[in-house]
Protein backbone atom coordinates (compact mmCIF):
# COMPACT_ATOMS: atom_id res chain seq x y z
CA UNK A 1 20.91 61.06 99.46
CA UNK A 2 19.54 57.91 99.72
CA UNK A 3 21.28 54.80 99.99
CA UNK A 4 20.03 51.18 99.61
CA UNK A 5 22.00 49.02 101.79
CA UNK A 6 25.01 48.60 103.85
CA UNK A 7 26.53 44.98 104.91
CA UNK A 8 27.40 45.20 108.68
CA UNK A 9 30.22 43.50 110.74
CA UNK A 10 30.89 42.93 114.50
CA UNK A 11 34.42 41.75 114.40
CA UNK A 12 35.76 40.27 117.25
CA UNK A 13 39.35 40.37 115.88
CA UNK A 14 41.67 39.88 119.17
CA UNK A 15 44.06 37.53 117.83
CA UNK A 16 45.97 36.90 114.14
CA UNK A 17 43.67 33.65 113.80
CA UNK A 18 40.20 35.29 113.78
CA UNK A 19 42.16 38.01 111.65
CA UNK A 20 42.72 35.55 108.93
CA UNK A 21 39.40 34.19 109.15
CA UNK A 22 37.71 37.46 109.02
CA UNK A 23 39.97 38.18 105.47
CA UNK A 24 38.28 35.06 104.19
CA UNK A 25 34.71 36.55 105.15
CA UNK A 26 35.49 39.72 103.92
CA UNK A 27 36.80 38.53 100.65
CA UNK A 28 33.52 36.72 100.07
CA UNK A 29 31.61 39.59 101.35
CA UNK A 30 33.09 42.04 98.70
CA UNK A 31 31.50 39.94 95.87
CA UNK A 32 28.29 41.26 97.04
CA UNK A 33 28.96 44.89 95.49
CA UNK A 34 27.68 46.59 98.46
CA UNK A 35 29.50 49.38 100.98
CA UNK A 36 31.28 47.84 104.09
CA UNK A 37 30.62 49.03 107.45
CA UNK A 38 33.14 47.36 110.17
CA UNK A 39 32.46 47.55 114.16
CA UNK A 40 35.35 46.57 116.60
CA UNK A 41 35.86 46.50 120.18
CA UNK A 42 40.13 45.30 119.28
CA UNK A 43 42.23 47.59 117.28
CA UNK A 44 42.21 46.13 113.57
CA UNK A 45 45.31 46.31 111.59
CA UNK A 46 45.56 49.27 108.77
CA UNK A 47 45.59 46.94 105.73
CA UNK A 48 42.27 45.59 106.68
CA UNK A 49 40.55 48.86 107.59
CA UNK A 50 41.74 49.84 104.20
CA UNK A 51 39.51 47.58 102.70
CA UNK A 52 36.72 48.80 104.35
CA UNK A 53 33.79 51.84 103.70
CA UNK A 54 33.20 52.81 107.23
CA UNK A 55 35.17 51.47 110.34
CA UNK A 56 34.05 52.03 114.28
CA UNK A 57 36.51 51.31 116.82
CA UNK A 58 34.50 51.20 119.98
CA UNK A 59 36.80 50.49 123.33
CA UNK A 60 33.55 50.04 125.23
CA UNK A 61 33.46 46.15 125.38
CA UNK A 62 30.70 45.98 127.40
CA UNK A 63 30.65 42.05 129.17
CA UNK A 64 28.42 40.15 131.10
CA UNK A 65 29.43 39.87 134.62
CA UNK A 66 27.18 36.56 135.57
CA UNK A 67 27.21 33.18 133.73
CA UNK A 68 23.68 31.68 132.45
CA UNK A 69 23.09 28.02 132.87
CA UNK A 70 20.53 27.89 129.99
CA UNK A 71 23.58 27.80 127.79
CA UNK A 72 26.45 25.55 129.49
CA UNK A 73 28.26 24.88 126.15
CA UNK A 74 29.35 25.86 122.66
CA UNK A 75 30.51 24.05 119.81
CA UNK A 76 33.28 25.64 117.52
CA UNK A 77 33.75 23.38 114.60
CA UNK A 78 35.84 23.52 111.41
CA UNK A 79 34.89 21.52 107.90
CA UNK A 80 37.20 20.34 105.77
CA UNK A 81 36.36 17.99 102.85
CA UNK A 82 38.20 14.58 104.58
CA UNK A 83 38.32 16.04 108.13
CA UNK A 84 36.07 17.75 110.72
CA UNK A 85 37.16 19.24 113.97
CA UNK A 86 34.95 19.81 116.91
CA UNK A 87 35.47 21.55 120.22
CA UNK A 88 32.73 21.56 123.02
CA UNK A 89 33.61 24.13 125.49
CA UNK A 90 32.07 25.95 128.36
CA UNK A 91 30.46 29.16 127.08
CA UNK A 92 29.35 32.15 129.26
CA UNK A 93 28.40 34.24 126.22
CA UNK A 94 30.62 37.55 128.78
CA UNK A 95 30.77 39.38 124.48
CA UNK A 96 26.61 39.47 124.21
CA UNK A 97 26.04 42.94 125.37
CA UNK A 98 28.67 44.07 123.61
CA UNK A 99 27.47 42.52 120.43
CA UNK A 100 24.28 44.34 120.74
CA UNK A 101 25.60 47.82 121.99
CA UNK A 102 27.65 47.26 118.44
CA UNK A 103 24.91 46.84 116.71
CA UNK A 104 22.74 49.55 117.50
CA UNK A 105 25.76 51.82 117.09
CA UNK A 106 26.27 50.99 113.46
CA UNK A 107 22.89 50.72 112.90
CA UNK A 108 22.19 54.55 114.20
CA UNK A 109 25.52 55.30 112.30
CA UNK A 110 24.64 53.66 109.32
CA UNK A 111 21.07 55.46 109.15
CA UNK A 112 22.72 58.93 110.02
CA UNK A 113 24.86 58.46 106.49
CA UNK A 114 21.49 58.03 104.73
CA UNK A 115 21.25 53.87 104.55
CA UNK A 116 17.81 52.40 104.65
CA UNK A 117 18.86 48.67 104.71
CA UNK A 118 21.40 46.58 106.94
CA UNK A 119 22.88 43.18 105.90
CA UNK A 120 24.51 41.84 109.43
CA UNK A 121 26.97 39.02 108.70
CA UNK A 122 28.67 36.88 111.08
CA UNK A 123 32.31 37.67 110.94
CA UNK A 124 33.64 34.48 111.51
CA UNK A 125 31.38 32.51 108.96
CA UNK A 126 33.33 31.67 105.74
CA UNK A 127 30.96 32.12 102.73
CA UNK A 128 30.90 29.64 100.09
CA UNK A 129 30.15 31.13 96.06
CA UNK A 130 27.31 29.41 95.95
CA UNK A 131 25.76 31.06 99.36
CA UNK A 132 27.03 34.21 97.90
CA UNK A 133 24.77 33.87 94.71
CA UNK A 134 22.06 32.91 97.23
CA UNK A 135 22.87 36.16 99.18
CA UNK A 136 23.12 38.31 96.22
CA UNK A 137 19.69 37.27 95.15
CA UNK A 138 17.58 37.75 98.21
CA UNK A 139 19.11 40.75 99.09
CA UNK A 140 18.26 42.30 95.75
CA UNK A 141 14.32 40.64 96.41
CA UNK A 142 14.79 42.42 100.20
CA UNK A 143 15.75 46.12 98.66
CA UNK A 144 13.47 46.27 95.66
CA UNK A 145 10.24 44.52 97.42
CA UNK A 146 11.28 46.86 100.29
CA UNK A 147 10.53 43.68 102.70
CA UNK A 148 11.16 45.04 106.68
CA UNK A 149 13.44 41.87 108.10
CA UNK A 150 14.99 38.86 106.47
CA UNK A 151 16.85 35.67 108.12
CA UNK A 152 18.97 33.23 106.47
CA UNK A 153 19.04 29.88 108.73
CA UNK A 154 21.57 27.63 107.94
CA UNK A 155 23.30 28.03 105.07
CA UNK A 156 24.58 25.36 102.94
CA UNK A 157 28.06 26.16 104.48
CA UNK A 158 26.44 25.55 107.90
CA UNK A 159 27.30 21.94 108.46
CA UNK A 160 23.90 21.34 109.20
CA UNK A 161 23.97 23.27 112.33
CA UNK A 162 21.13 25.92 113.76
CA UNK A 163 23.19 29.07 112.75
CA UNK A 164 21.55 32.31 111.54
CA UNK A 165 24.39 33.77 109.61
CA UNK A 166 22.94 36.62 107.82
CA UNK A 167 20.35 38.55 108.46
CA UNK A 168 18.52 41.58 107.16
CA UNK A 169 16.32 44.53 108.58
């Protein structure tokens, strides 16, 4: 049976704070009305996995062993209507290999289930209702017109940062 699309999250849920952030992202993504597939290199609470259509646990957390001077820092931030918190810190992107490995594993699994289109959403990107509406339109257009790929750069809730929060293929 051919299926249209599935939402894929590679969720790095190694702390209770990250679980709380992901819960908000998941709640928003569920408004899109598509099946949700999650892969994680960490154990995920049962009450969360009950909310997914598919869950893959991968104990292979493949890490880079070298650091790369090309990416000397990363900016973590949190916006609120009355305050903005920023933290600039060294970043070695050690988890990057797992991201690639997990992307391949989820795509292969989804293909075996019959899915033809994949919507990847960053797990820690809080999605506004306006962006849900925009994504819904873009997803419908993507599926209906059988497009090959689509990237959304700097959605309205990205605070102007260069971020590809959602991509479809």
